[in-house]
C-alpha atoms as a PDB file:
ATOM      1  CA  UNK A   1      -0.269  -0.153  -0.693  1.00  0.00           C
ATOM      2  CA  UNK A   2       1.119   3.370  -1.631  1.00  0.00           C
ATOM      3  CA  UNK A   3       1.107   5.588   1.240  1.00  0.00           C
ATOM      4  CA  UNK A   4       0.351   9.808  -0.128  1.00  0.00           C
ATOM      5  CA  UNK A   5      -0.238  12.892   1.616  1.00  0.00           C
ATOM      6  CA  UNK A   6      -1.895  15.099  -1.327  1.00  0.00           C
ATOM      7  CA  UNK A   7      -1.435  18.756  -0.660  1.00  0.00           C
ATOM      8  CA  UNK A   8      -4.168  20.303  -2.642  1.00  0.00           C
ATOM      9  CA  UNK A   9      -7.584  19.500  -1.912  1.00  0.00           C
ATOM     10  CA  UNK A  10     -10.665  22.036  -2.823  1.00  0.00           C
ATOM     11  CA  UNK A  11     -12.712  19.577  -0.681  1.00  0.00           C
ATOM     12  CA  UNK A  12     -15.102  22.298   1.513  1.00  0.00           C
ATOM     13  CA  UNK A  13     -16.530  23.534  -1.641  1.00  0.00           C
ATOM     14  CA  UNK A  14     -18.041  20.496  -2.609  1.00  0.00           C
ATOM     15  CA  UNK A  15     -19.849  20.471   0.360  1.00  0.00           C
ATOM     16  CA  UNK A  16     -20.793  24.136   1.452  1.00  0.00           C
ATOM     17  CA  UNK A  17     -20.624  25.406  -2.144  1.00  0.00           C
ATOM     18  CA  UNK A  18     -19.128  28.544  -4.249  1.00  0.00           C
ATOM     19  CA  UNK A  19     -19.966  32.366  -4.850  1.00  0.00           C
ATOM     20  CA  UNK A  20     -22.717  32.568  -7.392  1.00  0.00           C
ATOM     21  CA  UNK A  21     -20.322  33.647 -10.256  1.00  0.00           C
ATOM     22  CA  UNK A  22     -17.764  30.758  -9.532  1.00  0.00           C
ATOM     23  CA  UNK A  23     -20.776  28.036 -10.527  1.00  0.00           C
ATOM     24  CA  UNK A  24     -19.560  27.068 -14.425  1.00  0.00           C
ATOM     25  CA  UNK A  25     -16.201  26.495 -13.468  1.00  0.00           C
ATOM     26  CA  UNK A  26     -17.543  23.698 -10.010  1.00  0.00           C
ATOM     27  CA  UNK A  27     -19.973  22.541 -12.853  1.00  0.00           C
ATOM     28  CA  UNK A  28     -17.236  21.295 -14.933  1.00  0.00           C
ATOM     29  CA  UNK A  29     -16.235  18.632 -11.641  1.00  0.00           C
ATOM     30  CA  UNK A  30     -19.815  17.049 -11.518  1.00  0.00           C
ATOM     31  CA  UNK A  31     -19.180  13.881 -10.121  1.00  0.00           C
ATOM     32  CA  UNK A  32     -15.777  13.621  -8.988  1.00  0.00           C
ATOM     33  CA  UNK A  33     -15.629  11.005  -6.207  1.00  0.00           C
ATOM     34  CA  UNK A  34     -13.696  11.576  -2.521  1.00  0.00           C
ATOM     35  CA  UNK A  35     -12.031   8.228  -2.169  1.00  0.00           C
ATOM     36  CA  UNK A  36      -9.242   7.887  -0.349  1.00  0.00           C
ATOM     37  CA  UNK A  37      -7.902   4.902  -0.904  1.00  0.00           C
ATOM     38  CA  UNK A  38      -7.899   1.862  -3.819  1.00  0.00           C
ATOM     39  CA  UNK A  39      -5.807  -1.007  -3.637  1.00  0.00           C
ATOM     40  CA  UNK A  40      -3.496   0.596  -4.205  1.00  0.00           C
ATOM     41  CA  UNK A  41      -2.942   3.931  -2.491  1.00  0.00           C
ATOM     42  CA  UNK A  42      -4.321   5.320   0.608  1.00  0.00           C
ATOM     43  CA  UNK A  43      -4.328   9.333   0.867  1.00  0.00           C
ATOM     44  CA  UNK A  44      -3.184   9.284   5.559  1.00  0.00           C
ATOM     45  CA  UNK A  45      -3.416  13.709   4.886  1.00  0.00           C
ATOM     46  CA  UNK A  46      -5.043  15.409   3.424  1.00  0.00           C
ATOM     47  CA  UNK A  47      -4.022  19.222   2.916  1.00  0.00           C
ATOM     48  CA  UNK A  48      -7.086  21.620   2.043  1.00  0.00           C
ATOM     49  CA  UNK A  49      -6.405  24.351  -0.099  1.00  0.00           C
ATOM     50  CA  UNK A  50      -8.894  27.494   0.811  1.00  0.00           C
ATOM     51  CA  UNK A  51      -9.136  29.492  -2.848  1.00  0.00           C
ATOM     52  CA  UNK A  52     -12.347  29.660  -4.779  1.00  0.00           C
ATOM     53  CA  UNK A  53     -11.579  28.779  -8.200  1.00  0.00           C
ATOM     54  CA  UNK A  54     -12.454  31.792  -9.574  1.00  0.00           C
ATOM     55  CA  UNK A  55     -12.059  36.534  -8.946  1.00  0.00           C
ATOM     56  CA  UNK A  56     -13.518  36.752  -5.806  1.00  0.00           C
ATOM     57  CA  UNK A  57     -12.538  39.730  -2.849  1.00  0.00           C
ATOM     58  CA  UNK A  58     -12.658  37.633   0.335  1.00  0.00           C
ATOM     59  CA  UNK A  59      -9.796  38.005   2.994  1.00  0.00           C
ATOM     60  CA  UNK A  60     -10.093  33.816   3.450  1.00  0.00           C
ATOM     61  CA  UNK A  61     -12.595  32.787   1.328  1.00  0.00           C
ATOM     62  CA  UNK A  62     -13.440  28.990   1.895  1.00  0.00           C
ATOM     63  CA  UNK A  63     -10.514  29.264   5.067  1.00  0.00           C
ATOM     64  CA  UNK A  64     -13.896  29.110   7.547  1.00  0.00           C
ATOM     65  CA  UNK A  65     -15.341  26.475   5.514  1.00  0.00           C
ATOM     66  CA  UNK A  66     -12.234  24.472   5.850  1.00  0.00           C
ATOM     67  CA  UNK A  67     -12.375  24.590   9.951  1.00  0.00           C
ATOM     68  CA  UNK A  68     -15.485  22.862  10.327  1.00  0.00           C
ATOM     69  CA  UNK A  69     -14.420  20.189   7.728  1.00  0.00           C
ATOM     70  CA  UNK A  70     -11.231  19.419   9.570  1.00  0.00           C
ATOM     71  CA  UNK A  71     -13.737  19.233  12.848  1.00  0.00           C
ATOM     72  CA  UNK A  72     -14.932  16.168  11.297  1.00  0.00           C
ATOM     73  CA  UNK A  73     -11.595  14.040  10.628  1.00  0.00           C
ATOM     74  CA  UNK A  74      -8.227  15.730  12.314  1.00  0.00           C
ATOM     75  CA  UNK A  75      -6.606  12.849  11.589  1.00  0.00           C
ATOM     76  CA  UNK A  76      -7.312  13.515   7.485  1.00  0.00           C
ATOM     77  CA  UNK A  77      -7.533  16.439   7.236  1.00  0.00           C
ATOM     78  CA  UNK A  78      -5.612  20.117   7.835  1.00  0.00           C
ATOM     79  CA  UNK A  79      -5.539  23.615   5.892  1.00  0.00           C
ATOM     80  CA  UNK A  80      -3.349  26.055   4.025  1.00  0.00           C
ATOM     81  CA  UNK A  81      -4.172  29.559   5.963  1.00  0.00           C
ATOM     82  CA  UNK A  82      -5.191  31.922   3.141  1.00  0.00           C
ATOM     83  CA  UNK A  83      -4.786  35.720   3.189  1.00  0.00           C
ATOM     84  CA  UNK A  84      -5.341  38.453  -0.036  1.00  0.00           C
ATOM     85  CA  UNK A  85      -3.365  41.737   0.187  1.00  0.00           C
ATOM     86  CA  UNK A  86      -5.716  44.006  -1.199  1.00  0.00           C
ATOM     87  CA  UNK A  87      -9.017  42.929   0.171  1.00  0.00           C
ATOM     88  CA  UNK A  88      -7.627  41.791   3.761  1.00  0.00           C
ATOM     89  CA  UNK A  89      -8.252  44.770   5.843  1.00  0.00           C
ATOM     90  CA  UNK A  90      -5.195  43.815   7.821  1.00  0.00           C
ATOM     91  CA  UNK A  91      -3.767  39.937   7.045  1.00  0.00           C
ATOM     92  CA  UNK A  92      -1.590  40.058   9.838  1.00  0.00           C
ATOM     93  CA  UNK A  93      -3.679  40.379  12.185  1.00  0.00           C
ATOM     94  CA  UNK A  94      -6.389  37.392   9.568  1.00  0.00           C
ATOM     95  CA  UNK A  95      -2.812  35.275   9.656  1.00  0.00           C
ATOM     96  CA  UNK A  96      -2.860  35.048  13.397  1.00  0.00           C
ATOM     97  CA  UNK A  97      -6.404  33.867  13.772  1.00  0.00           C
ATOM     98  CA  UNK A  98      -5.617  30.964  10.971  1.00  0.00           C
ATOM     99  CA  UNK A  99      -2.695  30.312  12.297  1.00  0.00           C
ATOM    100  CA  UNK A 100      -3.838  29.589  16.394  1.00  0.00           C
ATOM    101  CA  UNK A 101      -6.671  27.709  14.343  1.00  0.00           C
ATOM    102  CA  UNK A 102      -3.486  25.378  13.060  1.00  0.00           C
ATOM    103  CA  UNK A 103      -2.394  25.905   9.993  1.00  0.00           C
ATOM    104  CA  UNK A 104       0.126  24.205   7.319  1.00  0.00           C
ATOM    105  CA  UNK A 105       1.232  27.319   5.621  1.00  0.00           C
ATOM    106  CA  UNK A 106      -0.184  30.404   3.928  1.00  0.00           C
ATOM    107  CA  UNK A 107      -1.472  29.618   0.346  1.00  0.00           C
ATOM    108  CA  UNK A 108      -1.641  32.975  -2.273  1.00  0.00           C
ATOM    109  CA  UNK A 109      -3.747  33.098  -5.779  1.00  0.00           C
ATOM    110  CA  UNK A 110      -1.943  36.252  -7.432  1.00  0.00           C
ATOM    111  CA  UNK A 111      -4.113  35.224 -10.605  1.00  0.00           C
ATOM    112  CA  UNK A 112      -7.576  35.477  -8.959  1.00  0.00           C
ATOM    113  CA  UNK A 113      -6.958  37.997  -6.596  1.00  0.00           C
ATOM    114  CA  UNK A 114      -4.850  40.388  -8.934  1.00  0.00           C
ATOM    115  CA  UNK A 115      -1.403  40.889  -7.849  1.00  0.00           C
ATOM    116  CA  UNK A 116       2.228  40.255  -8.572  1.00  0.00           C
ATOM    117  CA  UNK A 117       4.138  37.961  -6.183  1.00  0.00           C
ATOM    118  CA  UNK A 118       6.944  40.556  -5.705  1.00  0.00           C
ATOM    119  CA  UNK A 119       4.490  43.214  -5.544  1.00  0.00           C
ATOM    120  CA  UNK A 120       5.637  44.554  -2.233  1.00  0.00           C
ATOM    121  CA  UNK A 121       9.138  45.678  -3.306  1.00  0.00           C
ATOM    122  CA  UNK A 122       8.839  49.744  -4.346  1.00  0.00           C
ATOM    123  CA  UNK A 123       9.906  48.891  -7.993  1.00  0.00           C
ATOM    124  CA  UNK A 124       7.002  47.048  -8.372  1.00  0.00           C
ATOM    125  CA  UNK A 125       4.127  49.099  -6.177  1.00  0.00           C
ATOM    126  CA  UNK A 126       5.602  48.296  -2.387  1.00  0.00           C
ATOM    127  CA  UNK A 127       2.422  46.672  -1.463  1.00  0.00           C
ATOM    128  CA  UNK A 128       2.893  46.634   2.015  1.00  0.00           C
ATOM    129  CA  UNK A 129       0.366  44.296   3.330  1.00  0.00           C
ATOM    130  CA  UNK A 130       2.607  41.805   0.965  1.00  0.00           C
ATOM    131  CA  UNK A 131       5.075  42.383   2.301  1.00  0.00           C
ATOM    132  CA  UNK A 132       3.261  41.671   5.777  1.00  0.00           C
ATOM    133  CA  UNK A 133       2.306  38.413   4.836  1.00  0.00           C
ATOM    134  CA  UNK A 134       6.265  37.439   4.009  1.00  0.00           C
ATOM    135  CA  UNK A 135       7.383  38.381   6.506  1.00  0.00           C
ATOM    136  CA  UNK A 136       4.504  36.592   8.835  1.00  0.00           C
ATOM    137  CA  UNK A 137       6.025  33.664   7.282  1.00  0.00           C
ATOM    138  CA  UNK A 138       8.935  33.833   7.756  1.00  0.00           C
ATOM    139  CA  UNK A 139       8.485  34.811  11.305  1.00  0.00           C
ATOM    140  CA  UNK A 140       6.058  31.790  12.280  1.00  0.00           C
ATOM    141  CA  UNK A 141       8.345  29.132   9.778  1.00  0.00           C
ATOM    142  CA  UNK A 142       5.432  28.479   7.005  1.00  0.00           C
ATOM    143  CA  UNK A 143       5.614  27.655   3.700  1.00  0.00           C
ATOM    144  CA  UNK A 144       3.842  30.146   0.695  1.00  0.00           C
ATOM    145  CA  UNK A 145       2.827  27.812  -1.838  1.00  0.00           C
ATOM    146  CA  UNK A 146       1.364  30.617  -4.564  1.00  0.00           C
ATOM    147  CA  UNK A 147      -0.473  29.240  -7.409  1.00  0.00           C
ATOM    148  CA  UNK A 148       1.150  29.713 -11.082  1.00  0.00           C
ATOM    149  CA  UNK A 149       0.035  29.064 -14.804  1.00  0.00           C
ATOM    150  CA  UNK A 150      -2.465  30.195 -15.827  1.00  0.00           C
ATOM    151  CA  UNK A 151      -6.681  29.561 -14.836  1.00  0.00           C
ATOM    152  CA  UNK A 152     -10.437  29.167 -16.176  1.00  0.00           C
ATOM    153  CA  UNK A 153     -11.843  30.260 -13.177  1.00  0.00           C
ATOM    154  CA  UNK A 154     -14.269  33.199 -13.687  1.00  0.00           C
ATOM    155  CA  UNK A 155     -12.401  37.046 -13.580  1.00  0.00           C
ATOM    156  CA  UNK A 156      -9.131  35.270 -13.807  1.00  0.00           C
ATOM    157  CA  UNK A 157      -5.918  36.907 -15.030  1.00  0.00           C
ATOM    158  CA  UNK A 158      -3.245  35.047 -16.143  1.00  0.00           C
ATOM    159  CA  UNK A 159      -0.165  37.779 -16.659  1.00  0.00           C
ATOM    160  CA  UNK A 160      -0.149  37.561 -12.485  1.00  0.00           C
ATOM    161  CA  UNK A 161       0.658  33.026 -12.952  1.00  0.00           C
ATOM    162  CA  UNK A 162       4.387  33.663 -14.372  1.00  0.00           C
ATOM    163  CA  UNK A 163       6.372  32.067 -11.904  1.00  0.00           C
ATOM    164  CA  UNK A 164       9.535  34.416 -12.621  1.00  0.00           C
ATOM    165  CA  UNK A 165       7.746  36.642 -10.312  1.00  0.00           C
ATOM    166  CA  UNK A 166       8.586  34.099  -8.529  1.00  0.00           C
ATOM    167  CA  UNK A 167      12.165  34.957  -8.625  1.00  0.00           C
ATOM    168  CA  UNK A 168      12.291  38.750  -6.118  1.00  0.00           C
ATOM    169  CA  UNK A 169      10.627  36.494  -3.742  1.00  0.00           C
ATOM    170  CA  UNK A 170      13.314  33.259  -2.891  1.00  0.00           C
ATOM    171  CA  UNK A 171      16.056  35.776  -2.933  1.00  0.00           C
ATOM    172  CA  UNK A 172      14.408  38.746  -0.814  1.00  0.00           C
ATOM    173  CA  UNK A 173      13.523  35.850   1.793  1.00  0.00           C
ATOM    174  CA  UNK A 174      16.124  33.211   1.805  1.00  0.00           C
ATOM    175  CA  UNK A 175      14.556  31.448   4.781  1.00  0.00           C
ATOM    176  CA  UNK A 176      11.128  31.531   3.473  1.00  0.00           C
ATOM    177  CA  UNK A 177      10.044  27.746   1.780  1.00  0.00           C
ATOM    178  CA  UNK A 178       8.231  29.078  -1.543  1.00  0.00           C
ATOM    179  CA  UNK A 179       5.432  26.443  -2.777  1.00  0.00           C
ATOM    180  CA  UNK A 180       5.479  26.371  -6.915  1.00  0.00           C
ATOM    181  CA  UNK A 181       2.135  25.618  -7.225  1.00  0.00           C
ATOM    182  CA  UNK A 182       1.147  23.352 -10.025  1.00  0.00           C
ATOM    183  CA  UNK A 183       4.680  23.601 -12.007  1.00  0.00           C
ATOM    184  CA  UNK A 184       3.445  27.166 -14.214  1.00  0.00           C
ATOM    185  CA  UNK A 185       1.349  24.625 -16.523  1.00  0.00           C
ATOM    186  CA  UNK A 186       0.823  24.816 -19.380  1.00  0.00           C
ATOM    187  CA  UNK A 187       3.078  27.692 -20.027  1.00  0.00           C
ATOM    188  CA  UNK A 188       5.593  28.308 -17.781  1.00  0.00           C
ATOM    189  CA  UNK A 189       6.933  24.264 -16.965  1.00  0.00           C
ATOM    190  CA  UNK A 190      10.292  25.358 -17.194  1.00  0.00           C
ATOM    191  CA  UNK A 191      10.886  28.549 -15.820  1.00  0.00           C
ATOM    192  CA  UNK A 192       8.744  26.904 -12.752  1.00  0.00           C
ATOM    193  CA  UNK A 193      11.248  23.766 -12.911  1.00  0.00           C
ATOM    194  CA  UNK A 194      14.859  26.308 -13.348  1.00  0.00           C
ATOM    195  CA  UNK A 195      13.152  28.520  -9.587  1.00  0.00           C
ATOM    196  CA  UNK A 196      13.289  24.752  -7.350  1.00  0.00           C
ATOM    197  CA  UNK A 197      16.226  23.175  -9.279  1.00  0.00           C
ATOM    198  CA  UNK A 198      18.565  27.145  -8.278  1.00  0.00           C
ATOM    199  CA  UNK A 199      17.101  28.232  -4.594  1.00  0.00           C
ATOM    200  CA  UNK A 200      17.461  25.896  -1.555  1.00  0.00           C
ATOM    201  CA  UNK A 201      14.030  27.458  -0.337  1.00  0.00           C
ATOM    202  CA  UNK A 202      11.526  26.185  -3.529  1.00  0.00           C
ATOM    203  CA  UNK A 203      10.025  24.416  -4.131  1.00  0.00           C
ATOM    204  CA  UNK A 204       7.165  22.257  -7.081  1.00  0.00           C
ATOM    205  CA  UNK A 205       3.963  21.019  -6.788  1.00  0.00           C
ATOM    206  CA  UNK A 206       2.068  18.806  -8.923  1.00  0.00           C
ATOM    207  CA  UNK A 207      -1.773  18.873  -8.778  1.00  0.00           C
ATOM    208  CA  UNK A 208      -3.129  19.688 -11.726  1.00  0.00           C
ATOM    209  CA  UNK A 209      -0.960  18.239 -13.969  1.00  0.00           C
ATOM    210  CA  UNK A 210      -2.331  15.178 -15.803  1.00  0.00           C
ATOM    211  CA  UNK A 211      -0.500  12.079 -14.089  1.00  0.00           C
ATOM    212  CA  UNK A 212       0.193  11.067 -18.140  1.00  0.00           C
ATOM    213  CA  UNK A 213       1.940  13.604 -18.945  1.00  0.00           C
ATOM    214  CA  UNK A 214       3.927  14.578 -16.063  1.00  0.00           C
ATOM    215  CA  UNK A 215       7.384  13.624 -17.534  1.00  0.00           C
ATOM    216  CA  UNK A 216       6.395  14.601 -20.899  1.00  0.00           C
ATOM    217  CA  UNK A 217       6.105  18.290 -19.749  1.00  0.00           C
ATOM    218  CA  UNK A 218       8.219  18.254 -17.007  1.00  0.00           C
ATOM    219  CA  UNK A 219      11.077  15.979 -17.940  1.00  0.00           C
ATOM    220  CA  UNK A 220      14.199  16.714 -15.614  1.00  0.00           C
ATOM    221  CA  UNK A 221      11.274  15.639 -13.427  1.00  0.00           C
ATOM    222  CA  UNK A 222      13.495  13.026 -10.678  1.00  0.00           C
ATOM    223  CA  UNK A 223      16.009  15.159 -10.923  1.00  0.00           C
ATOM    224  CA  UNK A 224      14.638  17.190  -8.182  1.00  0.00           C
ATOM    225  CA  UNK A 225      12.936  14.468  -6.191  1.00  0.00           C
ATOM    226  CA  UNK A 226      13.885  16.227  -2.856  1.00  0.00           C
ATOM    227  CA  UNK A 227      12.230  19.399  -4.061  1.00  0.00           C
ATOM    228  CA  UNK A 228       8.971  17.613  -5.583  1.00  0.00           C
ATOM    229  CA  UNK A 229       5.250  18.179  -4.121  1.00  0.00           C
ATOM    230  CA  UNK A 230       2.207  16.138  -4.713  1.00  0.00           C
ATOM    231  CA  UNK A 231      -1.247  17.183  -5.006  1.00  0.00           C
ATOM    232  CA  UNK A 232      -4.589  16.722  -7.138  1.00  0.00           C
ATOM    233  CA  UNK A 233      -6.313  19.892  -7.246  1.00  0.00           C
ATOM    234  CA  UNK A 234      -9.246  17.429  -5.956  1.00  0.00           C
ATOM    235  CA  UNK A 235     -12.332  18.332  -7.791  1.00  0.00           C
ATOM    236  CA  UNK A 236     -10.856  19.879 -10.722  1.00  0.00           C
ATOM    237  CA  UNK A 237     -12.840  17.767 -13.675  1.00  0.00           C
ATOM    238  CA  UNK A 238     -15.689  15.512 -14.335  1.00  0.00           C
ATOM    239  CA  UNK A 239     -15.375  12.042 -12.493  1.00  0.00           C
ATOM    240  CA  UNK A 240     -12.053  12.925 -10.346  1.00  0.00           C
ATOM    241  CA  UNK A 241     -10.769   9.899  -8.438  1.00  0.00           C
ATOM    242  CA  UNK A 242      -9.472  10.800  -5.410  1.00  0.00           C
ATOM    243  CA  UNK A 243      -7.128   8.125  -5.183  1.00  0.00           C
ATOM    244  CA  UNK A 244      -7.086   7.022  -8.129  1.00  0.00           C
ATOM    245  CA  UNK A 245      -5.268   9.876  -9.981  1.00  0.00           C
ATOM    246  CA  UNK A 246      -3.097   9.325  -6.744  1.00  0.00           C
ATOM    247  CA  UNK A 247      -2.319   6.365  -8.391  1.00  0.00           C
ATOM    248  CA  UNK A 248      -1.983   7.745 -11.073  1.00  0.00           C
ATOM    249  CA  UNK A 249       0.841   9.797 -10.223  1.00  0.00           C
ATOM    250  CA  UNK A 250       2.486   7.326  -8.975  1.00  0.00           C
ATOM    251  CA  UNK A 251       2.809   5.113 -11.579  1.00  0.00           C
ATOM    252  CA  UNK A 252       4.468   8.065 -13.457  1.00  0.00           C
ATOM    253  CA  UNK A 253       6.997   9.323 -10.802  1.00  0.00           C
ATOM    254  CA  UNK A 254       7.645   5.466  -8.603  1.00  0.00           C
ATOM    255  CA  UNK A 255       8.496   7.904  -6.026  1.00  0.00           C
ATOM    256  CA  UNK A 256       7.021   8.181  -2.400  1.00  0.00           C
ATOM    257  CA  UNK A 257       9.613  10.824  -1.421  1.00  0.00           C
ATOM    258  CA  UNK A 258       6.961  13.268  -4.033  1.00  0.00           C
ATOM    259  CA  UNK A 259       4.202  12.196  -3.062  1.00  0.00           C
ATOM    260  CA  UNK A 260       4.418  11.746   0.646  1.00  0.00           C
ATOM    261  CA  UNK A 261       7.899  12.372   2.405  1.00  0.00           C
ATOM    262  CA  UNK A 262       7.995  15.600   0.772  1.00  0.00           C
ATOM    263  CA  UNK A 263       5.166  17.125   2.320  1.00  0.00           C
ATOM    264  CA  UNK A 264       5.491  15.904   6.012  1.00  0.00           C
ATOM    265  CA  UNK A 265       8.626  16.781   6.249  1.00  0.00           C
ATOM    266  CA  UNK A 266       7.925  20.897   4.971  1.00  0.00           C
ATOM    267  CA  UNK A 267       4.672  21.063   6.103  1.00  0.00           C
ATOM    268  CA  UNK A 268       5.281  19.028   9.463  1.00  0.00           C
ATOM    269  CA  UNK A 269       8.423  18.829  10.641  1.00  0.00           C
ATOM    270  CA  UNK A 270       8.398  14.590  10.314  1.00  0.00           C
END
């Protein structure tokens, strides 16, 4: 039995729904099945992502829905925190609340929230709220998961999805772990790989990349096996099966480090 940690699951939107204008993307994932085990794999930890699948002006999106899900099964579920440097009145105060509730890291979604990941720099606009978010993460030893690549969600602005915008962050916060969500899918794979290979504090997260294509789009992935983290982006397409998708990813990588160990080390210090 292959044991798996899935770091990118949007389960709360299946239970509690999404904002009205997000329903088109939610409809695309009809029939998704939240199965945590089959004959080959068992998903021992599910890390919930608060982000709605669309543009949102809510400070933490579905974070407090995630907290409700965790209470149902705290052994299985954990959650990322989420704050928005544009729409949170006081992101640090919100992060303090979320930290007390046990977040394993912070999720940022520049494409849906409309900001550059390096917008804290003076030449990029000097967004002090974003600066405080990174400082909070660094001070509290929390990794930051940053959406990269395109999104088809309503209101997405894909110009903010270029992973190279993280180059400044990785240099300005060398003690901060940055996890590059979706590995720049589908047009910035090589940029994302370059960052993960060059920076000791950068990691690739491979959610939403079809497992059968994974080593085609990232042919050198196994060279940085210790810096790659598995996620499913569940539910991201019609009929997606959580355990079945994990099995496909394991068959592609044959790596327990990618499927489990790297996530435990980064998120749970295991």
